[in-house]
Amino acid sequence: MAGTNPVVDPVHVVSENGGDASAFFFPGLDAFTLAEIGKFFVLSPHARERLAVADDVLGRSVTRALRDSDDYASPVARVASLVNALALADWARQELGVEPRYCLGMSFGEQIAATYAGCLSLETAVSVIARIGECELEYFRSEHRELVTQVVTRLPAKRRDDILADLAARDVFHEVSGRVDEGHYLITLPREHLADFTATVSSAGGYALQTMDPPAHCAVFAPLSERVAKEVLADVEFADPAVPIVSDEDGSVVTTGAGVRDMVASGFVRPLNWLSTAPALAGLGVRRLYVVGLDRMWHRLSVTKSNFDVTPVNQARVLRYRRG
């Protein structure tokens, strides 16, 4: 895997590069209900047009399926997240005059970024995203059922290292699946050790947040990555991105369709690293970050706010803007 960039002083980075560029940031999957996005879907012409395409590709109504299920990771919910984010990006360009120099996504958000950047047509993206979701859910029904990914925060690096060293000494499988912010990590480990792990995190002064089940971003999921590459992406042509895409692993800039395809396929095994990607993005001259889509966390993070002028672009903002 590619190495990560060092964390640097964000103010120094921006001033050195004379940064005044913008970027669209697409978060990963987040829990939502139809009630949260339904009004926007009705009022936004951008959303309505894309919903019609999605309904046609899937052969069923996206909104009706959401009404019948609250599983935000289901294939149809992933498509709804795509439609929602793309429509919000259109709104930001139209109403706020944003022309992003770069775009990026965290985890699932990379698939949205690939679509926004024009690597895939909307019809192809809907099909690909739904099929990837089906592959992922089917894989975890039978594989690695023993693993979960735990989100922890406010955990000092030294204590994190001590906790992981203890797991290693006891021969307990574990992997750092994400570095989100200072003290904020994703750790994959067996569920049978989860209670002890979260108790140890608490005793070290940290907090255990949500548990991701199925787990994510771990090298042992290579068979899933290979399956997606073979069964979903093999016959899909990715165009070169019209807007360069920044990797969520190391801040590298992806400018070819082949590179985007590899990024999407390898997302299951690569750890995400916003802690390093944020200053790397600032180093590219980006000062204004538009967090586009469903998000309860990324726009609030210290590493986000210290590197950028942050503007959340979500349903509530759009609806307030309409009334204003």
Foldseek 3Di string as FASTA:
>chain_A
DDDADDQDQQVVLQVVQVFDFEEEEEEDFDFDACVFCVVVCVPQPQLVVLQVLLCVLVVHHLSVVRVVDRPCLALSNLLSQLSQQLSLVVCCCVPVVHDGQEYEYDQSGLLSRLDNLPQDDSSLSSVLSNVLSVLVVVCLVPPPQQKKKWKKAPAAPVLVVVLVVVCVVVVWDKDFQAAQAHRITIMMTGPVCVVVSQVSSVVRVMHIDDIGVVHAAAQVCVVSLVCSCPPRVVPDGTAFGNRWYAQQQHRDTGGGRVSSSNSNSCRRHHRGYCSRNLSSVSSVSHAEYEHTGDDDPNCPGPSNVSNHNYHYRHDVVVVVVVVD
